[in-house]
N, C-alpha and C. Protein backbone atom coordinates (compact mmCIF):
# COMPACT_ATOMS: atom_id res chain seq x y z
N MET A 1 -7.70 16.23 -37.78
CA MET A 1 -8.37 15.16 -37.13
C MET A 1 -9.08 15.81 -36.16
N THR A 2 -10.35 15.03 -35.99
CA THR A 2 -11.15 15.39 -34.96
C THR A 2 -11.05 14.13 -33.97
N GLN A 3 -10.76 14.55 -32.61
CA GLN A 3 -10.83 13.60 -31.64
C GLN A 3 -11.80 13.88 -30.40
N GLN A 4 -12.44 12.96 -29.97
CA GLN A 4 -13.42 13.15 -29.07
C GLN A 4 -13.80 11.92 -28.24
N PHE A 5 -13.91 12.25 -26.86
CA PHE A 5 -14.25 11.42 -25.83
C PHE A 5 -15.61 10.83 -25.95
N ILE A 6 -15.92 9.55 -25.84
CA ILE A 6 -17.16 8.88 -25.85
C ILE A 6 -17.24 8.20 -24.47
N GLU A 7 -18.11 8.57 -23.56
CA GLU A 7 -18.11 8.23 -22.38
C GLU A 7 -19.00 7.08 -22.12
N LEU A 8 -18.63 5.88 -21.79
CA LEU A 8 -19.22 4.77 -21.64
C LEU A 8 -20.23 4.60 -20.36
N GLY A 9 -19.62 5.17 -19.34
CA GLY A 9 -20.28 5.30 -18.14
C GLY A 9 -19.11 5.44 -16.91
N GLN A 10 -19.54 5.00 -15.74
CA GLN A 10 -18.74 5.07 -14.66
C GLN A 10 -17.72 3.97 -14.42
N GLY A 11 -17.90 2.88 -15.16
CA GLY A 11 -16.84 1.84 -15.09
C GLY A 11 -17.29 0.66 -14.42
N TYR A 12 -18.63 0.55 -14.06
CA TYR A 12 -19.09 -0.63 -13.25
C TYR A 12 -19.17 -1.72 -14.14
N GLY A 13 -20.36 -1.82 -14.93
CA GLY A 13 -20.50 -2.80 -16.06
C GLY A 13 -19.94 -2.36 -17.32
N ASP A 14 -19.66 -0.91 -17.41
CA ASP A 14 -19.10 -0.52 -18.61
C ASP A 14 -17.73 -0.96 -19.01
N ILE A 15 -16.87 -1.38 -17.88
CA ILE A 15 -15.65 -1.80 -18.24
C ILE A 15 -15.56 -2.97 -18.98
N TYR A 16 -16.67 -3.93 -19.13
CA TYR A 16 -16.61 -4.93 -20.08
C TYR A 16 -16.82 -4.62 -21.45
N GLU A 17 -17.64 -3.47 -21.56
CA GLU A 17 -17.78 -3.05 -22.98
C GLU A 17 -16.52 -2.40 -23.48
N LEU A 18 -15.77 -1.76 -22.56
CA LEU A 18 -14.58 -1.14 -23.08
C LEU A 18 -13.44 -2.37 -23.35
N CYS A 19 -13.34 -3.33 -22.53
CA CYS A 19 -12.65 -4.41 -22.91
C CYS A 19 -12.78 -5.10 -24.22
N GLU A 20 -14.27 -5.27 -24.46
CA GLU A 20 -14.58 -5.86 -25.76
C GLU A 20 -14.32 -5.03 -26.88
N LEU A 21 -14.37 -3.71 -26.83
CA LEU A 21 -13.90 -2.89 -27.72
C LEU A 21 -12.59 -2.97 -28.14
N ILE A 22 -11.73 -3.10 -27.11
CA ILE A 22 -10.27 -3.48 -27.30
C ILE A 22 -9.99 -4.58 -28.00
N ARG A 23 -10.69 -5.78 -27.63
CA ARG A 23 -10.45 -7.03 -28.19
C ARG A 23 -10.95 -6.98 -29.96
N THR A 24 -12.11 -6.47 -30.07
CA THR A 24 -12.80 -6.57 -31.46
C THR A 24 -12.15 -5.40 -32.44
N ASN A 25 -11.44 -4.50 -31.89
CA ASN A 25 -10.91 -3.24 -32.54
C ASN A 25 -9.41 -3.27 -32.58
N LYS A 26 -8.78 -4.57 -32.33
CA LYS A 26 -7.26 -4.38 -32.21
C LYS A 26 -6.43 -3.88 -33.33
N LYS A 27 -6.99 -4.02 -34.57
CA LYS A 27 -6.53 -3.38 -35.66
C LYS A 27 -6.54 -1.93 -35.82
N ARG A 28 -7.46 -1.30 -35.05
CA ARG A 28 -7.57 0.09 -35.13
C ARG A 28 -7.09 0.77 -33.74
N PHE A 29 -6.39 0.00 -32.97
CA PHE A 29 -5.94 0.45 -31.58
C PHE A 29 -4.78 1.49 -31.88
N HIS A 30 -5.05 2.53 -31.09
CA HIS A 30 -4.16 3.66 -31.22
C HIS A 30 -3.20 3.70 -29.86
N ASN A 31 -3.94 3.86 -28.69
CA ASN A 31 -3.26 4.13 -27.45
C ASN A 31 -4.31 3.80 -26.50
N ALA A 32 -3.75 3.37 -25.42
CA ALA A 32 -4.62 3.32 -23.98
C ALA A 32 -4.23 4.16 -23.01
N PHE A 33 -5.10 4.59 -22.21
CA PHE A 33 -4.54 5.40 -21.10
C PHE A 33 -5.26 5.03 -19.67
N LEU A 34 -4.59 5.13 -18.64
CA LEU A 34 -5.16 5.03 -17.24
C LEU A 34 -5.06 6.30 -16.56
N PHE A 35 -6.00 7.20 -16.66
CA PHE A 35 -6.03 8.50 -16.19
C PHE A 35 -6.37 8.44 -14.64
N ILE A 36 -5.59 8.80 -13.78
CA ILE A 36 -5.73 8.98 -12.20
C ILE A 36 -6.01 10.33 -11.76
N SER A 37 -7.23 10.45 -11.10
CA SER A 37 -7.49 11.89 -10.62
C SER A 37 -7.91 11.64 -9.17
N TYR A 38 -7.75 12.90 -8.58
CA TYR A 38 -8.03 12.94 -7.11
C TYR A 38 -8.95 13.96 -6.68
N LYS A 39 -9.99 13.49 -5.89
CA LYS A 39 -10.96 14.32 -5.19
C LYS A 39 -10.87 14.28 -3.66
N GLY A 40 -10.47 15.30 -3.02
CA GLY A 40 -9.98 15.28 -1.72
C GLY A 40 -8.93 14.27 -1.61
N ASN A 41 -9.01 13.30 -0.77
CA ASN A 41 -8.01 12.34 -0.45
C ASN A 41 -8.35 11.02 -1.18
N LYS A 42 -9.20 11.00 -2.04
CA LYS A 42 -9.67 9.78 -2.82
C LYS A 42 -9.09 10.00 -4.14
N ALA A 43 -8.55 8.73 -4.75
CA ALA A 43 -8.04 8.68 -6.05
C ALA A 43 -9.02 7.81 -6.76
N PHE A 44 -9.29 8.25 -8.18
CA PHE A 44 -10.10 7.41 -8.98
C PHE A 44 -9.39 7.21 -10.34
N ALA A 45 -9.83 6.03 -10.97
CA ALA A 45 -9.21 5.64 -12.14
C ALA A 45 -10.30 5.87 -13.35
N SER A 46 -9.71 6.15 -14.61
CA SER A 46 -10.41 6.28 -15.65
C SER A 46 -9.70 5.53 -16.83
N PRO A 47 -9.98 4.46 -17.09
CA PRO A 47 -9.52 3.66 -18.27
C PRO A 47 -10.22 4.29 -19.50
N ALA A 48 -9.22 4.38 -20.47
CA ALA A 48 -9.76 4.98 -21.77
C ALA A 48 -8.77 4.31 -22.77
N VAL A 49 -9.42 4.18 -24.09
CA VAL A 49 -8.73 3.71 -25.30
C VAL A 49 -9.03 4.61 -26.48
N ALA A 50 -8.06 4.89 -27.16
CA ALA A 50 -8.06 5.70 -28.44
C ALA A 50 -7.99 4.59 -29.80
N PHE A 51 -8.97 4.86 -30.59
CA PHE A 51 -8.75 4.05 -31.74
C PHE A 51 -8.73 4.88 -33.05
N GLU A 52 -7.85 4.24 -34.06
CA GLU A 52 -7.71 4.91 -35.29
C GLU A 52 -9.09 5.33 -35.92
N PRO A 53 -9.12 6.25 -36.97
CA PRO A 53 -10.44 6.65 -37.75
C PRO A 53 -10.73 5.16 -38.50
N VAL A 54 -12.04 5.11 -38.85
CA VAL A 54 -12.44 4.21 -39.90
C VAL A 54 -12.41 4.73 -41.27
N GLY A 55 -11.85 4.05 -42.26
CA GLY A 55 -11.75 4.34 -43.51
C GLY A 55 -11.19 5.82 -43.77
N ASP A 56 -12.03 6.62 -44.63
CA ASP A 56 -11.40 7.96 -44.89
C ASP A 56 -11.95 8.97 -43.82
N SER A 57 -12.61 8.54 -42.79
CA SER A 57 -12.91 9.28 -41.78
C SER A 57 -11.92 10.09 -41.12
N ASN A 58 -12.08 11.25 -40.55
CA ASN A 58 -11.08 12.12 -39.76
C ASN A 58 -11.45 12.06 -38.45
N PHE A 59 -12.15 11.09 -37.90
CA PHE A 59 -12.86 11.08 -36.61
C PHE A 59 -12.01 10.02 -35.65
N MET A 60 -11.33 10.25 -34.69
CA MET A 60 -10.65 9.43 -33.68
C MET A 60 -11.57 9.25 -32.37
N PRO A 61 -12.18 8.23 -32.08
CA PRO A 61 -12.91 8.16 -30.98
C PRO A 61 -11.99 7.66 -29.85
N ILE A 62 -12.26 8.32 -28.58
CA ILE A 62 -11.54 7.92 -27.35
C ILE A 62 -12.54 7.43 -26.27
N TYR A 63 -12.70 6.23 -26.16
CA TYR A 63 -13.75 5.68 -25.30
C TYR A 63 -13.25 5.64 -23.79
N ILE A 64 -14.02 6.03 -22.93
CA ILE A 64 -13.66 6.31 -21.40
C ILE A 64 -14.59 5.92 -20.40
N CYS A 65 -14.31 5.31 -19.36
CA CYS A 65 -15.12 4.98 -18.21
C CYS A 65 -14.73 6.02 -17.19
N ARG A 66 -15.12 7.13 -16.98
CA ARG A 66 -14.95 8.30 -16.30
C ARG A 66 -15.11 8.12 -14.74
N GLU A 67 -14.04 7.92 -14.03
CA GLU A 67 -13.80 8.24 -12.52
C GLU A 67 -14.80 7.41 -11.72
N GLY A 68 -15.06 6.28 -12.21
CA GLY A 68 -16.22 5.43 -11.47
C GLY A 68 -15.38 4.22 -10.67
N ILE A 69 -14.05 4.19 -10.82
CA ILE A 69 -13.29 3.19 -10.15
C ILE A 69 -12.32 3.66 -9.26
N PRO A 70 -12.56 3.30 -7.81
CA PRO A 70 -11.58 3.71 -6.81
C PRO A 70 -10.26 3.21 -7.06
N TYR A 71 -9.05 4.00 -7.07
CA TYR A 71 -8.00 3.82 -7.20
C TYR A 71 -6.98 3.64 -6.17
N ASN A 72 -6.33 2.30 -6.06
CA ASN A 72 -5.34 2.13 -4.97
C ASN A 72 -4.24 1.25 -5.61
N PRO A 73 -3.10 1.91 -5.94
CA PRO A 73 -2.11 0.96 -6.63
C PRO A 73 -1.41 -0.30 -5.91
N GLU A 74 -1.80 -0.45 -4.61
CA GLU A 74 -1.29 -1.43 -3.63
C GLU A 74 -2.33 -2.36 -3.72
N LYS A 75 -3.61 -2.15 -4.12
CA LYS A 75 -4.78 -3.23 -4.12
C LYS A 75 -5.68 -2.80 -5.20
N PRO A 76 -5.23 -3.36 -6.44
CA PRO A 76 -5.78 -3.03 -7.63
C PRO A 76 -7.16 -3.49 -7.61
N SER A 77 -8.06 -2.74 -8.41
CA SER A 77 -9.48 -3.07 -8.58
C SER A 77 -9.56 -4.35 -9.60
N LYS A 78 -10.53 -5.08 -9.40
CA LYS A 78 -10.75 -6.23 -10.55
C LYS A 78 -11.17 -5.60 -11.71
N ARG A 79 -11.72 -4.54 -11.74
CA ARG A 79 -12.13 -3.81 -13.00
C ARG A 79 -10.95 -3.39 -13.76
N LEU A 80 -9.99 -2.83 -13.02
CA LEU A 80 -8.65 -2.37 -13.69
C LEU A 80 -7.85 -3.54 -14.26
N GLU A 81 -7.84 -4.74 -13.36
CA GLU A 81 -7.33 -5.93 -13.85
C GLU A 81 -7.88 -6.35 -15.16
N LEU A 82 -9.18 -6.28 -15.47
CA LEU A 82 -9.89 -6.90 -16.55
C LEU A 82 -9.32 -5.93 -17.66
N PHE A 83 -9.38 -4.67 -17.49
CA PHE A 83 -8.62 -3.63 -18.51
C PHE A 83 -7.39 -4.00 -18.87
N GLU A 84 -6.48 -4.08 -18.03
CA GLU A 84 -5.18 -4.64 -18.22
C GLU A 84 -4.95 -5.91 -18.90
N GLU A 85 -5.80 -6.89 -18.58
CA GLU A 85 -5.83 -8.10 -19.23
C GLU A 85 -6.23 -7.99 -20.69
N ALA A 86 -7.31 -7.22 -21.11
CA ALA A 86 -7.68 -7.06 -22.33
C ALA A 86 -6.44 -6.39 -23.17
N LEU A 87 -5.88 -5.36 -22.61
CA LEU A 87 -4.71 -4.72 -23.22
C LEU A 87 -3.52 -5.86 -23.51
N LYS A 88 -3.36 -6.61 -22.51
CA LYS A 88 -2.19 -7.72 -22.56
C LYS A 88 -2.55 -8.56 -23.71
N GLU A 89 -3.73 -8.81 -24.05
CA GLU A 89 -4.14 -9.96 -24.95
C GLU A 89 -3.87 -9.31 -26.42
N ILE A 90 -3.93 -8.16 -26.65
CA ILE A 90 -3.38 -7.59 -27.99
C ILE A 90 -1.96 -7.13 -27.70
N GLY A 91 -1.11 -7.20 -26.73
CA GLY A 91 0.26 -6.98 -26.72
C GLY A 91 0.40 -5.43 -26.38
N LYS A 92 -0.64 -4.71 -25.74
CA LYS A 92 -0.32 -3.52 -25.38
C LYS A 92 -0.41 -3.15 -23.80
N GLU A 93 -0.16 -1.96 -23.52
CA GLU A 93 -0.31 -1.57 -22.15
C GLU A 93 -0.69 -0.07 -22.34
N ALA A 94 -1.44 0.40 -21.09
CA ALA A 94 -1.81 1.64 -20.84
C ALA A 94 -0.92 2.71 -20.38
N VAL A 95 -0.91 3.86 -20.89
CA VAL A 95 -0.18 4.93 -20.39
C VAL A 95 -0.82 5.45 -19.13
N PRO A 96 -0.11 5.42 -17.97
CA PRO A 96 -0.78 5.89 -16.71
C PRO A 96 -0.49 7.60 -16.74
N MET A 97 -1.47 8.43 -16.09
CA MET A 97 -1.43 9.66 -16.49
C MET A 97 -2.17 10.30 -15.22
N ASP A 98 -1.45 11.20 -14.48
CA ASP A 98 -2.27 11.81 -13.28
C ASP A 98 -2.74 13.19 -13.87
N ILE A 99 -4.15 13.36 -13.65
CA ILE A 99 -4.91 14.49 -14.30
C ILE A 99 -5.79 15.00 -13.04
N LYS A 100 -6.40 16.25 -13.42
CA LYS A 100 -7.30 16.89 -12.57
C LYS A 100 -8.62 16.25 -12.66
N HIS A 101 -9.14 16.22 -11.37
CA HIS A 101 -10.57 15.56 -11.40
C HIS A 101 -11.64 16.21 -12.22
N SER A 102 -12.58 15.69 -12.85
CA SER A 102 -13.49 16.41 -13.59
C SER A 102 -14.54 17.53 -12.88
N CYS A 103 -14.53 17.12 -11.64
CA CYS A 103 -15.32 18.31 -10.80
C CYS A 103 -14.72 19.63 -10.79
N TYR A 104 -13.41 19.76 -11.13
CA TYR A 104 -12.88 20.96 -11.18
C TYR A 104 -13.06 21.99 -12.43
N TYR A 105 -13.89 21.24 -13.25
CA TYR A 105 -14.32 21.94 -14.50
C TYR A 105 -15.88 22.33 -14.39
N ALA A 106 -16.16 23.45 -15.02
CA ALA A 106 -17.48 23.96 -14.97
C ALA A 106 -18.40 22.91 -15.74
N GLU A 107 -17.89 22.39 -16.79
CA GLU A 107 -18.72 21.54 -17.47
C GLU A 107 -17.76 20.16 -18.04
N THR A 108 -18.31 19.19 -18.09
CA THR A 108 -17.55 17.88 -18.58
C THR A 108 -16.91 18.24 -19.82
N ILE A 109 -17.61 18.81 -20.82
CA ILE A 109 -16.83 19.03 -22.11
C ILE A 109 -15.67 19.81 -22.20
N LEU A 110 -15.50 20.89 -21.04
CA LEU A 110 -14.23 21.51 -20.76
C LEU A 110 -13.18 20.60 -20.34
N PHE A 111 -13.41 19.59 -19.46
CA PHE A 111 -12.57 18.69 -19.01
C PHE A 111 -12.14 17.83 -20.14
N TYR A 112 -12.80 17.33 -21.07
CA TYR A 112 -12.44 16.48 -22.19
C TYR A 112 -11.78 17.39 -23.02
N GLN A 113 -11.95 18.60 -23.24
CA GLN A 113 -11.29 19.59 -24.26
C GLN A 113 -9.89 19.59 -23.68
N HIS A 114 -9.62 19.97 -22.51
CA HIS A 114 -8.38 20.09 -21.77
C HIS A 114 -7.58 18.71 -21.94
N LEU A 115 -8.42 17.57 -21.58
CA LEU A 115 -7.50 16.37 -21.80
C LEU A 115 -6.90 16.10 -23.24
N ILE A 116 -7.89 16.45 -24.05
CA ILE A 116 -7.46 16.17 -25.41
C ILE A 116 -6.26 17.00 -25.73
N GLY A 117 -6.22 18.18 -25.18
CA GLY A 117 -4.94 19.15 -25.45
C GLY A 117 -3.67 18.59 -24.73
N VAL A 118 -3.90 17.93 -23.63
CA VAL A 118 -2.87 17.33 -22.83
C VAL A 118 -2.27 16.03 -23.75
N LEU A 119 -3.15 15.20 -24.20
CA LEU A 119 -2.71 14.15 -25.14
C LEU A 119 -2.26 14.47 -26.28
N ARG A 120 -2.49 15.53 -26.90
CA ARG A 120 -2.08 15.93 -28.15
C ARG A 120 -0.38 16.72 -27.92
N MET A 121 -0.40 17.42 -26.80
CA MET A 121 0.89 18.02 -26.48
C MET A 121 2.07 16.84 -26.00
N ASN A 122 1.49 15.79 -25.51
CA ASN A 122 2.43 14.76 -25.28
C ASN A 122 2.59 13.73 -26.23
N ARG A 123 1.91 14.06 -27.46
CA ARG A 123 1.95 13.22 -28.71
C ARG A 123 1.42 11.79 -28.38
N LEU A 124 0.30 11.78 -27.63
CA LEU A 124 0.04 10.50 -27.31
C LEU A 124 -1.23 10.14 -28.33
N ILE A 125 -1.97 11.34 -28.75
CA ILE A 125 -2.73 11.22 -29.96
C ILE A 125 -2.24 12.19 -31.00
N PRO A 126 -2.70 11.83 -32.30
CA PRO A 126 -2.17 12.95 -33.36
C PRO A 126 -2.52 14.30 -33.12
N GLN A 127 -1.76 15.25 -33.46
CA GLN A 127 -1.98 16.75 -33.59
C GLN A 127 -2.81 17.20 -34.71
N LEU A 128 -3.65 18.20 -34.51
CA LEU A 128 -4.43 18.82 -35.57
C LEU A 128 -3.79 18.88 -36.94
N ALA A 129 -4.40 18.70 -37.86
CA ALA A 129 -3.79 18.57 -39.23
C ALA A 129 -4.17 19.94 -40.02
């Protein structure tokens, strides 16, 4: 199975698109993630959702809003509240995970490849067949 991140944007208006994908694809829902990364002394959230492949396809999309939302667990962002509400509507929760910030990778594709490996290793997305 091929898994690939599809970046919607930095999370400003894109969070609404991600929430709508959750609502309209609830039958395909596989897992949701809240990746927390750190750059200096600042924390950033990256909400993401993985969906099951369509039909006979072996392609699993993982939609993400990468590192555009400042993260403070004591004062949650309205955008993260929208994400959590959309998940709650379908009876799901996001898996929180601390990760390295993408700035530590030479290219964004390497960041996503590493993240896919971590998700597979933790059995949060299917292994390669």
